[in-house]
Amino acid sequence: MRGAALAAALSGATALSAGPVRASDPQPSAVVEPAETGRVGDAPAAAPEPAASREPTMAQSEEAYRAGDHAKALEILKPLAEKGEVLAQYRLGYMLALGQGAEKDLKLAAEWMRKAADQGDAAALTQLGVFYLQGAGVERSETEAANLLKRAAEKGNTTAQLYIGQMYQAGAGIEKNEVAGFTWIMSAARGGNAEAQFQLGKAYAMGLGATKDAAEAEKWFLEAANNGSAQAQYTLANNYLAGTAVEKNEAKALEWYQKAADAGMPAAQRDLGALYLTGPAGKPDLGLAFKWTKMAADAGDAGAQSNLGFMYATGKGVPQDDAAAAASYELAAKQGLARAATALALQYETGRGVEPNDATAAEWYRKAGAAGDRNAAMRLGAMIVAGRATEADEGDAAYWVAAAALAGDKTARTWLEQKAEAGSAPAKARLAAIYDGDATDPANDGKALALFEAAADGGDRFAQIQLGKKYATGDGAAQDYIVAHKWTNIAATEGNEEAVKLRDNLAKLMTREQIAEAQKQAREWIAEFRSRG
């Protein structure tokens, strides 16, 4: 497992946090802040210095740090670190990594973390492990990261226990072992790490390294939620709202959404706003709906931006404002949210809040349709039929128009029939698919097969694949592996992945003689097709 996938597996591990935190706190970044006189659970507190001593002390450095004088804190730390004081070495690496008191220097920070780690400091081992995982100040190495994190985990560092547990689960830098991963995460969870408690709940919910157990999952989600994990609070809210593995309880869902939203989680703020919009216990609160939706939208949540667009478009919770609706929809659409792109396209198509623009409307419908939004595909098809949009590719045009036809647009159906009658292979293929999906008339099987045959012979890849499937399964045609292989092989000539897979699977069911015959027929068809000019 590499790159982004690994980062996701490790609960959002980053090279550094935005600011210092205590060693006993949950650490998504594993950067640990010393306590006032030491580090909780790691190094012992620094012994008070004799009154007559003029040597700088850790206590003085920490006092300067708390006062915001990072330069002075760093100045005091350096000689202490050079003398080998482990806490000073860790703290010096920490400050250099954040650029506190000096220019940010991850390479030098890693060197000081290494010195502290070599003395067995658990927090330094953890941070250095994250550096290797991220390639921050050192050459990236999952193996070295796993080694360091395992050593820290064995010393009781709950952040390291969580990370090494997830690395075991992912097989990242260490041999995959879901049971070992589960055991380490359990250890971190029992040690009070809220993120580990949340991950343990997920492990029980999904059966990762343990038998699925809904009761245990809820127990650990609750533990994490009560320890301040916004992710756990949000998960519980979703479960209570949907009745997933727990009894459905809208009041509890509202309570946990509220806590996660108060913690600043945009997704929770979005869903809390949506819940108030529809009305908990059937009683909407449009003021609160707008408050939380706007907060999440301002944080960049695409779903909230789309919901805010809906509120402006309908005047729910705010004065109706088409221009504001279009602006909100556009923000969400630019993040790839299909339903927002569809809504924005409709505004351009109808001129609500924006200057009407068919080309822009078609562009957004196309993006939303490609992402799977059926309404967008239908609207684009209708625009093509009406002559308000064009597609450079005949096959694409037939695809969009077919979507409109399947939604019941009789004009779109007529367009396909006329194009098919005029000889369009893509139109024949899409019309065939419509017949193929209509079981109300037994004669439709024959119509579909005839149209697929004609479209495939006309060079349409979609029809060739569908025809291959029909002959392979005997669906609407007499089963014939040779013909099925022929058409899927032809469709595969330009690298179509579906066609390649179908052809290769068919070959496993065929004799060598049958494959040779199918290949011969495919070569003959390709030669004849090319000769048509």
Protein backbone atom coordinates (compact mmCIF):
# COMPACT_ATOMS: atom_id res chain seq x y z
CA MET A 1 0.00 0.00 0.00
CA ARG A 2 1.55 3.33 -0.99
CA GLY A 3 1.11 7.09 -1.13
CA ALA A 4 -2.37 8.51 -0.63
CA ALA A 5 -3.87 5.13 0.24
CA LEU A 6 -1.41 4.73 3.12
CA ALA A 7 -2.02 8.26 4.35
CA ALA A 8 -5.74 7.49 4.48
CA ALA A 9 -5.07 4.27 6.38
CA LEU A 10 -3.08 6.08 9.05
CA SER A 11 -5.90 8.33 10.23
CA GLY A 12 -4.61 11.45 8.50
CA ALA A 13 -1.06 11.33 9.83
CA THR A 14 0.80 14.51 8.95
CA ALA A 15 4.37 15.53 9.50
CA LEU A 16 3.48 18.13 12.13
CA SER A 17 0.56 19.56 14.03
CA ALA A 18 -0.44 23.19 13.91
CA GLY A 19 0.63 23.64 17.51
CA PRO A 20 1.88 21.84 20.60
CA VAL A 21 -0.23 19.27 22.42
CA ARG A 22 0.39 17.04 25.40
CA ALA A 23 1.80 13.55 25.04
CA SER A 24 -1.30 11.99 26.56
CA ASP A 25 -3.63 13.59 24.01
CA PRO A 26 -4.74 11.91 20.73
CA GLN A 27 -2.18 12.83 18.07
CA PRO A 28 -3.09 12.77 14.39
CA SER A 29 0.35 14.26 13.77
CA ALA A 30 2.30 12.53 16.54
CA VAL A 31 4.06 15.77 17.47
CA VAL A 32 4.14 15.78 21.24
CA GLU A 33 4.36 18.81 23.46
CA PRO A 34 6.27 18.44 26.72
CA ALA A 35 4.27 18.95 29.89
CA GLU A 36 5.22 21.82 32.15
CA THR A 37 8.04 19.91 33.84
CA GLY A 38 8.38 16.87 31.66
CA ARG A 39 6.54 14.70 29.17
CA VAL A 40 3.56 12.67 30.34
CA GLY A 41 4.36 8.96 30.21
CA ASP A 42 7.74 9.47 28.53
CA ALA A 43 10.69 11.24 30.15
CA PRO A 44 10.74 12.01 33.87
CA ALA A 45 10.25 15.59 34.94
CA ALA A 46 13.37 17.69 34.93
CA ALA A 47 14.82 17.93 38.44
CA PRO A 48 14.72 21.42 39.93
CA GLU A 49 18.02 23.22 39.48
CA PRO A 50 19.92 24.49 42.55
CA ALA A 51 19.19 28.14 43.22
CA ALA A 52 22.83 29.09 42.69
CA SER A 53 23.03 27.41 39.25
CA ARG A 54 23.49 29.80 36.36
CA GLU A 55 23.15 27.11 33.71
CA PRO A 56 20.02 27.44 31.54
CA THR A 57 17.37 24.88 32.39
CA MET A 58 14.48 23.11 30.65
CA ALA A 59 12.12 24.89 33.03
CA GLN A 60 13.40 28.25 31.77
CA SER A 61 13.04 27.13 28.15
CA GLU A 62 9.49 25.99 28.76
CA GLU A 63 8.65 29.24 30.54
CA ALA A 64 9.92 31.21 27.54
CA TYR A 65 7.96 28.95 25.20
CA ARG A 66 4.73 29.49 27.12
CA ALA A 67 5.35 33.24 27.04
CA GLY A 68 5.64 33.07 23.25
CA ASP A 69 9.37 33.85 23.17
CA HIS A 70 10.32 30.97 20.87
CA ALA A 71 13.74 32.38 20.00
CA LYS A 72 14.76 32.46 23.67
CA ALA A 73 13.31 28.99 24.28
CA LEU A 74 15.33 27.66 21.35
CA GLU A 75 18.49 29.41 22.52
CA ILE A 76 18.20 27.70 25.90
CA LEU A 77 17.40 24.31 24.39
CA LYS A 78 20.38 24.03 22.06
CA PRO A 79 23.20 23.66 24.63
CA LEU A 80 21.04 21.31 26.69
CA ALA A 81 20.37 19.16 23.61
CA GLU A 82 24.06 19.17 22.70
CA LYS A 83 24.84 17.84 26.17
CA GLY A 84 22.58 14.90 25.45
CA GLU A 85 19.46 15.84 27.43
CA VAL A 86 16.79 13.77 25.73
CA LEU A 87 13.87 16.07 26.48
CA ALA A 88 15.79 19.03 25.07
CA GLN A 89 16.70 17.07 21.94
CA TYR A 90 13.07 16.15 21.35
CA ARG A 91 11.84 19.68 22.01
CA LEU A 92 14.51 21.21 19.78
CA GLY A 93 13.51 18.91 16.93
CA TYR A 94 9.88 19.77 17.52
CA MET A 95 10.46 23.54 17.34
CA LEU A 96 12.71 23.31 14.27
CA ALA A 97 10.09 21.23 12.50
CA LEU A 98 7.47 23.89 13.13
CA GLY A 99 9.80 26.81 12.43
CA GLN A 100 9.41 28.17 15.95
CA GLY A 101 12.25 30.46 16.98
CA ALA A 102 14.20 29.71 13.80
CA GLU A 103 13.65 28.99 10.15
CA LYS A 104 11.77 25.74 9.58
CA ASP A 105 14.27 22.93 8.96
CA LEU A 106 12.82 19.43 8.72
CA LYS A 107 16.18 17.81 8.01
CA LEU A 108 17.76 19.25 11.15
CA ALA A 109 14.58 18.50 13.10
CA ALA A 110 14.82 14.85 12.05
CA GLU A 111 18.46 14.74 13.14
CA TRP A 112 17.59 15.92 16.65
CA MET A 113 14.63 13.55 16.79
CA ARG A 114 17.05 10.75 15.85
CA LYS A 115 19.35 11.66 18.75
CA ALA A 116 16.42 11.52 21.17
CA ALA A 117 15.11 8.34 19.57
CA ASP A 118 18.52 6.68 19.90
CA GLN A 119 18.18 7.24 23.63
CA GLY A 120 14.88 5.37 23.54
CA ASP A 121 12.53 8.34 23.84
CA ALA A 122 9.05 7.09 22.85
CA ALA A 123 7.74 10.44 21.62
CA ALA A 124 10.85 10.98 19.47
CA LEU A 125 10.62 7.45 18.08
CA THR A 126 7.00 8.16 17.17
CA GLN A 127 7.71 11.50 15.53
CA LEU A 128 10.71 10.16 13.62
CA GLY A 129 8.55 7.27 12.42
CA VAL A 130 6.04 9.76 11.04
CA PHE A 131 8.86 11.69 9.37
CA TYR A 132 9.94 8.50 7.58
CA LEU A 133 6.36 7.74 6.66
CA GLN A 134 5.92 11.18 5.15
CA GLY A 135 9.43 11.63 3.75
CA ALA A 136 9.75 14.80 5.85
CA GLY A 137 13.41 15.69 6.42
CA VAL A 138 14.43 12.11 5.62
CA GLU A 139 14.14 9.77 2.67
CA ARG A 140 10.70 8.19 2.77
CA SER A 141 10.74 4.60 4.06
CA GLU A 142 7.72 2.70 5.27
CA THR A 143 9.99 -0.06 6.57
CA GLU A 144 11.99 2.32 8.78
CA ALA A 145 8.76 4.04 9.84
CA ALA A 146 7.31 0.69 10.94
CA ASN A 147 10.50 -0.17 12.83
CA LEU A 148 10.51 3.11 14.76
CA LEU A 149 6.79 3.10 15.45
CA LYS A 150 6.90 -0.49 16.69
CA ARG A 151 9.66 0.39 19.15
CA ALA A 152 7.64 3.36 20.40
CA ALA A 153 4.51 1.23 20.60
CA GLU A 154 6.32 -1.33 22.74
CA LYS A 155 7.22 1.52 25.12
CA GLY A 156 3.52 2.31 25.54
CA ASN A 157 3.11 5.32 23.24
CA THR A 158 -0.55 5.07 22.23
CA THR A 159 -0.12 7.14 19.06
CA ALA A 160 2.59 4.75 17.88
CA GLN A 161 0.41 1.79 18.84
CA LEU A 162 -2.40 3.15 16.68
CA TYR A 163 -0.12 3.80 13.70
CA ILE A 164 1.68 0.46 13.82
CA GLY A 165 -1.69 -1.25 14.16
CA GLN A 166 -2.92 0.43 11.01
CA MET A 167 0.33 -0.38 9.22
CA TYR A 168 -0.13 -4.04 10.12
CA GLN A 169 -3.67 -3.88 8.74
CA ALA A 170 -2.48 -2.27 5.51
CA GLY A 171 0.71 -4.30 5.12
CA ALA A 172 2.66 -1.04 4.88
CA GLY A 173 6.35 -1.38 5.77
CA ILE A 174 5.58 -4.59 7.63
CA GLU A 175 3.99 -7.91 6.75
CA LYS A 176 0.21 -7.61 6.70
CA ASN A 177 -1.37 -9.08 9.80
CA GLU A 178 -4.91 -7.94 10.62
CA VAL A 179 -4.91 -9.70 13.99
CA ALA A 180 -1.67 -8.00 15.06
CA GLY A 181 -3.04 -4.71 13.78
CA PHE A 182 -6.23 -5.17 15.77
CA THR A 183 -4.24 -6.04 18.91
CA TRP A 184 -2.12 -2.88 18.73
CA ILE A 185 -5.15 -0.69 18.08
CA MET A 186 -6.88 -2.34 21.03
CA SER A 187 -3.86 -1.52 23.20
CA ALA A 188 -3.95 2.13 22.13
CA ALA A 189 -7.70 2.29 22.69
CA ARG A 190 -7.39 0.85 26.19
CA GLY A 191 -4.69 3.44 26.81
CA GLY A 192 -7.24 6.19 26.22
CA ASN A 193 -6.35 7.23 22.66
CA ALA A 194 -9.63 8.54 21.24
CA GLU A 195 -8.63 8.00 17.61
CA ALA A 196 -7.66 4.41 18.41
CA GLN A 197 -11.00 3.90 20.13
CA PHE A 198 -12.73 5.10 16.99
CA GLN A 199 -10.61 2.82 14.79
CA LEU A 200 -11.33 -0.09 17.12
CA GLY A 201 -15.04 0.58 16.73
CA LYS A 202 -14.57 0.46 12.95
CA ALA A 203 -12.63 -2.79 13.25
CA TYR A 204 -15.51 -4.41 15.15
CA ALA A 205 -18.07 -2.91 12.79
CA MET A 206 -16.25 -4.18 9.68
CA GLY A 207 -14.67 -7.36 11.02
CA LEU A 208 -11.07 -6.21 10.51
CA GLY A 209 -8.90 -8.59 12.53
CA ALA A 210 -11.85 -9.44 14.76
CA THR A 211 -15.29 -10.99 14.48
CA LYS A 212 -17.94 -8.45 13.57
CA ASP A 213 -19.63 -7.28 16.75
CA ALA A 214 -22.14 -4.42 16.58
CA ALA A 215 -22.34 -4.09 20.35
CA GLU A 216 -18.54 -3.79 20.73
CA ALA A 217 -18.43 -1.35 17.82
CA GLU A 218 -21.01 0.89 19.49
CA LYS A 219 -19.19 0.61 22.83
CA TRP A 220 -15.91 1.86 21.37
CA PHE A 221 -17.56 4.49 19.21
CA LEU A 222 -19.21 5.82 22.37
CA GLU A 223 -15.91 5.71 24.26
CA ALA A 224 -14.18 7.67 21.49
CA ALA A 225 -17.07 10.10 21.14
CA ASN A 226 -17.11 10.82 24.86
CA ASN A 227 -13.33 11.39 24.64
CA GLY A 228 -13.90 14.09 22.03
CA SER A 229 -13.43 12.25 18.73
CA ALA A 230 -15.51 14.19 16.21
CA GLN A 231 -15.29 11.28 13.76
CA ALA A 232 -16.79 8.94 16.34
CA GLN A 233 -19.48 11.46 17.22
CA TYR A 234 -20.33 11.82 13.55
CA THR A 235 -20.38 8.04 13.02
CA LEU A 236 -22.72 7.56 15.96
CA ALA A 237 -25.00 10.29 14.65
CA ASN A 238 -25.19 8.62 11.24
CA ASN A 239 -25.86 5.23 12.83
CA TYR A 240 -28.63 6.55 15.07
CA LEU A 241 -30.23 8.47 12.21
CA ALA A 242 -30.25 5.46 9.89
CA GLY A 243 -30.73 2.77 12.53
CA THR A 244 -27.51 1.06 11.47
CA ALA A 245 -26.51 -1.59 14.05
CA VAL A 246 -28.42 0.40 16.69
CA GLU A 247 -32.04 1.27 17.29
CA LYS A 248 -33.00 4.29 15.22
CA ASN A 249 -33.08 7.38 17.41
CA GLU A 250 -33.34 10.82 15.84
CA ALA A 251 -32.86 12.62 19.15
CA LYS A 252 -29.53 10.87 19.77
CA ALA A 253 -28.51 11.50 16.18
CA LEU A 254 -29.19 15.20 16.67
CA GLU A 255 -27.20 15.20 19.92
CA TRP A 256 -24.11 13.62 18.36
CA TYR A 257 -24.32 15.70 15.18
CA GLN A 258 -24.39 18.76 17.43
CA LYS A 259 -21.26 17.70 19.32
CA ALA A 260 -19.32 16.92 16.15
CA ALA A 261 -20.50 20.17 14.58
CA ASP A 262 -19.48 22.14 17.68
CA ALA A 263 -16.05 20.50 17.35
CA GLY A 264 -15.76 22.10 13.91
CA MET A 265 -16.36 19.10 11.66
CA PRO A 266 -17.80 20.41 8.34
CA ALA A 267 -19.53 17.14 7.42
CA ALA A 268 -21.35 17.14 10.76
CA GLN A 269 -22.27 20.80 10.34
CA ARG A 270 -23.64 20.02 6.87
CA ASP A 271 -25.71 17.06 8.05
CA LEU A 272 -26.93 18.92 11.12
CA GLY A 273 -28.10 21.71 8.84
CA ALA A 274 -29.83 19.20 6.57
CA LEU A 275 -31.54 17.59 9.57
CA TYR A 276 -32.86 20.96 10.75
CA LEU A 277 -33.98 21.71 7.20
CA THR A 278 -36.18 18.61 7.01
CA GLY A 279 -37.10 18.87 10.66
CA PRO A 280 -36.10 16.68 13.61
CA ALA A 281 -39.30 15.14 14.98
CA GLY A 282 -41.09 16.76 12.05
CA LYS A 283 -40.28 20.27 13.25
CA PRO A 284 -37.92 22.13 10.89
CA ASP A 285 -35.82 24.99 12.20
CA LEU A 286 -34.84 26.94 9.11
CA GLY A 287 -32.73 29.42 11.08
CA LEU A 288 -30.51 26.68 12.48
CA ALA A 289 -30.55 24.92 9.12
CA PHE A 290 -29.08 28.00 7.47
CA LYS A 291 -26.58 28.63 10.29
CA TRP A 292 -25.00 25.17 10.14
CA THR A 293 -25.24 24.79 6.37
CA LYS A 294 -23.57 28.16 5.83
CA MET A 295 -20.83 27.32 8.33
CA ALA A 296 -20.03 24.05 6.55
CA ALA A 297 -20.23 25.70 3.13
CA ASP A 298 -17.81 28.43 4.22
CA ALA A 299 -15.44 25.64 5.31
CA GLY A 300 -15.50 24.30 1.75
CA ASP A 301 -17.84 21.31 2.13
CA ALA A 302 -19.29 20.63 -1.33
CA GLY A 303 -22.48 19.02 -0.03
CA ALA A 304 -23.16 22.02 2.18
CA GLN A 305 -22.48 24.41 -0.69
CA SER A 306 -25.03 22.54 -2.78
CA ASN A 307 -27.54 22.52 0.08
CA LEU A 308 -27.01 26.24 0.54
CA GLY A 309 -27.70 26.71 -3.17
CA PHE A 310 -30.97 24.82 -2.72
CA MET A 311 -31.94 27.05 0.21
CA TYR A 312 -31.27 30.19 -1.80
CA ALA A 313 -33.09 28.79 -4.85
CA THR A 314 -36.19 27.86 -2.84
CA GLY A 315 -36.13 30.64 -0.26
CA LYS A 316 -35.99 28.19 2.64
CA GLY A 317 -34.39 29.82 5.68
CA VAL A 318 -33.18 32.79 3.60
CA PRO A 319 -34.71 35.26 1.17
CA GLN A 320 -34.97 33.64 -2.26
CA ASP A 321 -31.91 34.60 -4.34
CA ASP A 322 -31.20 32.89 -7.66
CA ALA A 323 -27.83 34.58 -8.10
CA ALA A 324 -26.66 33.41 -4.67
CA ALA A 325 -28.00 29.94 -5.47
CA ALA A 326 -26.01 29.80 -8.70
CA ALA A 327 -22.85 30.96 -6.90
CA SER A 328 -23.21 28.26 -4.24
CA TYR A 329 -24.01 25.55 -6.78
CA GLU A 330 -20.94 26.55 -8.79
CA LEU A 331 -18.63 26.20 -5.79
CA ALA A 332 -19.90 22.68 -5.20
CA ALA A 333 -19.92 21.78 -8.90
CA LYS A 334 -16.29 22.81 -9.24
CA GLN A 335 -15.48 20.28 -6.52
CA GLY A 336 -17.07 17.57 -8.65
CA LEU A 337 -20.45 17.21 -6.91
CA ALA A 338 -22.73 15.94 -9.67
CA ARG A 339 -26.06 17.08 -8.22
CA ALA A 340 -24.72 20.61 -7.84
CA ALA A 341 -23.47 20.59 -11.43
CA THR A 342 -26.94 19.51 -12.57
CA ALA A 343 -28.61 22.28 -10.57
CA LEU A 344 -26.15 24.85 -11.94
CA ALA A 345 -26.71 23.63 -15.49
CA LEU A 346 -30.46 24.05 -15.06
CA GLN A 347 -29.93 27.65 -13.95
CA TYR A 348 -27.91 28.35 -17.08
CA GLU A 349 -30.47 26.55 -19.22
CA THR A 350 -33.34 28.58 -17.76
CA GLY A 351 -31.49 31.82 -17.03
CA ARG A 352 -32.19 31.82 -13.29
CA GLY A 353 -29.68 34.01 -11.47
CA VAL A 354 -27.30 33.94 -14.46
CA GLU A 355 -27.37 34.93 -18.09
CA PRO A 356 -28.92 32.04 -20.04
CA ASN A 357 -26.22 30.08 -21.85
CA ASP A 358 -26.95 26.76 -23.57
CA ALA A 359 -23.29 25.94 -24.10
CA THR A 360 -22.46 26.38 -20.41
CA ALA A 361 -25.57 24.46 -19.40
CA ALA A 362 -24.60 21.58 -21.70
CA GLU A 363 -21.05 21.59 -20.32
CA TRP A 364 -22.25 21.20 -16.72
CA TYR A 365 -24.88 18.61 -17.68
CA ARG A 366 -22.14 16.68 -19.47
CA LYS A 367 -19.89 16.70 -16.39
CA ALA A 368 -22.70 15.67 -14.08
CA GLY A 369 -23.92 13.01 -16.49
CA ALA A 370 -20.43 11.55 -16.79
CA ALA A 371 -20.38 11.34 -12.98
CA GLY A 372 -23.56 9.27 -13.05
CA ASP A 373 -26.32 11.83 -12.54
CA ARG A 374 -29.26 10.49 -14.55
CA ASN A 375 -31.16 13.78 -14.47
CA ALA A 376 -28.20 15.56 -16.06
CA ALA A 377 -27.90 12.90 -18.76
CA MET A 378 -31.63 13.20 -19.49
CA ARG A 379 -31.54 17.02 -19.68
CA LEU A 380 -28.51 17.01 -21.99
CA GLY A 381 -30.22 14.49 -24.24
CA ALA A 382 -33.28 16.71 -24.40
CA MET A 383 -31.12 19.73 -25.29
CA ILE A 384 -29.45 17.76 -28.11
CA VAL A 385 -32.84 16.74 -29.52
CA ALA A 386 -34.02 20.35 -29.33
CA GLY A 387 -30.90 21.52 -31.16
CA ARG A 388 -29.69 23.52 -28.16
CA ALA A 389 -26.57 21.41 -27.64
CA THR A 390 -24.23 19.51 -29.93
CA GLU A 391 -21.79 16.66 -29.46
CA ALA A 392 -18.70 16.25 -31.62
CA ASP A 393 -18.95 12.48 -31.30
CA GLU A 394 -22.04 10.79 -32.79
CA GLY A 395 -21.81 8.04 -30.21
CA ASP A 396 -21.88 10.52 -27.32
CA ALA A 397 -24.93 12.25 -28.77
CA ALA A 398 -26.77 8.93 -29.05
CA TYR A 399 -25.79 8.04 -25.47
CA TRP A 400 -27.24 11.26 -24.01
CA VAL A 401 -30.37 11.15 -26.12
CA ALA A 402 -30.95 7.54 -25.09
CA ALA A 403 -30.84 8.67 -21.45
CA ALA A 404 -33.66 11.09 -22.18
CA ALA A 405 -35.58 8.41 -24.08
CA LEU A 406 -35.25 5.98 -21.19
CA ALA A 407 -36.66 8.67 -18.88
CA GLY A 408 -39.80 8.74 -21.02
CA ASP A 409 -38.98 11.55 -23.46
CA LYS A 410 -40.92 10.50 -26.57
CA THR A 411 -39.20 13.16 -28.69
CA ALA A 412 -35.84 11.66 -27.78
CA ARG A 413 -37.06 8.18 -28.70
CA THR A 414 -38.22 9.48 -32.07
CA TRP A 415 -34.82 11.16 -32.61
CA LEU A 416 -33.05 7.83 -32.04
CA GLU A 417 -35.43 5.98 -34.35
CA GLN A 418 -34.95 8.52 -37.12
CA LYS A 419 -31.16 8.50 -36.76
CA ALA A 420 -31.14 4.70 -36.73
CA GLU A 421 -33.30 4.60 -39.84
CA ALA A 422 -30.86 6.98 -41.50
CA GLY A 423 -28.03 4.49 -40.81
CA SER A 424 -26.41 5.81 -37.61
CA ALA A 425 -24.68 2.86 -35.94
CA PRO A 426 -24.55 4.54 -32.47
CA ALA A 427 -28.28 5.36 -32.69
CA LYS A 428 -29.04 1.74 -33.64
CA ALA A 429 -26.96 0.51 -30.70
CA ARG A 430 -28.68 2.75 -28.15
CA LEU A 431 -32.12 1.99 -29.56
CA ALA A 432 -31.26 -1.70 -29.33
CA ALA A 433 -30.40 -1.25 -25.65
CA ILE A 434 -33.79 0.34 -25.05
CA TYR A 435 -35.57 -2.59 -26.69
CA ASP A 436 -33.33 -5.01 -24.78
CA GLY A 437 -34.36 -3.53 -21.46
CA ASP A 438 -38.09 -3.59 -22.23
CA ALA A 439 -39.59 -6.94 -21.27
CA THR A 440 -43.18 -5.89 -21.90
CA ASP A 441 -43.14 -7.21 -25.48
CA PRO A 442 -41.56 -10.60 -26.38
CA ALA A 443 -40.81 -9.24 -29.84
CA ASN A 444 -38.33 -6.76 -28.34
CA ASP A 445 -35.64 -9.44 -28.04
CA GLY A 446 -35.59 -9.91 -31.79
CA LYS A 447 -35.62 -6.16 -32.45
CA ALA A 448 -32.73 -5.65 -30.03
CA LEU A 449 -30.64 -8.43 -31.58
CA ALA A 450 -31.21 -7.16 -35.13
CA LEU A 451 -30.25 -3.60 -34.17
CA PHE A 452 -27.18 -4.74 -32.22
CA GLU A 453 -26.10 -6.82 -35.25
CA ALA A 454 -26.50 -3.86 -37.58
CA ALA A 455 -24.76 -1.44 -35.21
CA ALA A 456 -21.89 -3.85 -34.53
CA ASP A 457 -21.39 -4.37 -38.25
CA GLY A 458 -21.35 -0.57 -38.56
CA GLY A 459 -18.37 -0.40 -36.19
CA ASP A 460 -20.09 0.61 -32.94
CA ARG A 461 -18.00 -0.66 -30.00
CA PHE A 462 -20.88 -0.60 -27.52
CA ALA A 463 -22.98 -2.79 -29.84
CA GLN A 464 -20.08 -5.18 -30.43
CA ILE A 465 -19.65 -5.70 -26.68
CA GLN A 466 -23.37 -6.15 -26.09
CA LEU A 467 -23.57 -8.60 -28.99
CA GLY A 468 -20.63 -10.54 -27.53
CA LYS A 469 -22.46 -10.80 -24.21
CA LYS A 470 -25.66 -12.02 -25.87
CA TYR A 471 -23.94 -14.79 -27.81
CA ALA A 472 -21.84 -15.73 -24.77
CA THR A 473 -24.86 -16.16 -22.47
CA GLY A 474 -27.55 -17.12 -24.96
CA ASP A 475 -29.61 -14.07 -23.91
CA GLY A 476 -31.87 -13.29 -26.87
CA ALA A 477 -29.59 -15.23 -29.21
CA ALA A 478 -28.45 -18.84 -29.65
CA GLN A 479 -25.34 -19.32 -27.50
CA ASP A 480 -22.23 -19.29 -29.70
CA TYR A 481 -18.81 -18.78 -28.13
CA ILE A 482 -17.13 -18.34 -31.52
CA VAL A 483 -19.36 -15.42 -32.51
CA ALA A 484 -19.14 -13.96 -28.99
CA HIS A 485 -15.33 -14.12 -29.07
CA LYS A 486 -15.27 -12.62 -32.56
CA TRP A 487 -17.21 -9.50 -31.53
CA THR A 488 -15.47 -8.97 -28.20
CA ASN A 489 -12.11 -9.41 -29.91
CA ILE A 490 -13.05 -6.79 -32.50
CA ALA A 491 -14.17 -4.40 -29.76
CA ALA A 492 -10.92 -5.04 -27.90
CA THR A 493 -8.71 -3.95 -30.80
CA GLU A 494 -8.66 -0.37 -29.51
CA GLY A 495 -7.96 -1.41 -25.92
CA ASN A 496 -11.49 -1.39 -24.49
CA GLU A 497 -10.96 -2.93 -21.05
CA GLU A 498 -14.42 -4.48 -20.79
CA ALA A 499 -14.05 -6.10 -24.20
CA VAL A 500 -10.57 -7.42 -23.35
CA LYS A 501 -11.85 -8.98 -20.13
CA LEU A 502 -14.87 -10.56 -21.83
CA ARG A 503 -12.76 -11.97 -24.65
CA ASP A 504 -10.17 -13.43 -22.28
CA ASN A 505 -12.84 -15.03 -20.09
CA LEU A 506 -14.51 -16.54 -23.15
CA ALA A 507 -11.21 -17.99 -24.29
CA LYS A 508 -11.02 -20.03 -21.07
CA LEU A 509 -14.24 -21.79 -22.09
CA MET A 510 -13.21 -22.52 -25.66
CA THR A 511 -11.08 -25.07 -27.46
CA ARG A 512 -8.03 -23.98 -29.43
CA GLU A 513 -9.90 -24.72 -32.64
CA GLN A 514 -12.82 -22.52 -31.61
CA ILE A 515 -10.50 -19.65 -30.67
CA ALA A 516 -8.67 -19.96 -34.00
CA GLU A 517 -11.96 -19.83 -35.89
CA ALA A 518 -13.18 -16.81 -33.90
CA GLN A 519 -9.90 -15.00 -34.57
CA LYS A 520 -10.15 -15.81 -38.26
CA GLN A 521 -13.67 -14.37 -38.43
CA ALA A 522 -12.55 -11.25 -36.56
CA ARG A 523 -9.64 -10.68 -38.99
CA GLU A 524 -11.94 -11.13 -41.97
CA TRP A 525 -14.48 -8.66 -40.58
CA ILE A 526 -11.81 -6.04 -39.81
CA ALA A 527 -10.35 -6.35 -43.32
CA GLU A 528 -13.80 -6.07 -44.91
CA PHE A 529 -14.76 -3.11 -42.67
CA ARG A 530 -11.59 -1.22 -43.57
CA SER A 531 -12.21 -1.84 -47.25
CA ARG A 532 -15.48 0.08 -47.01
CA GLY A 533 -13.42 3.24 -46.74
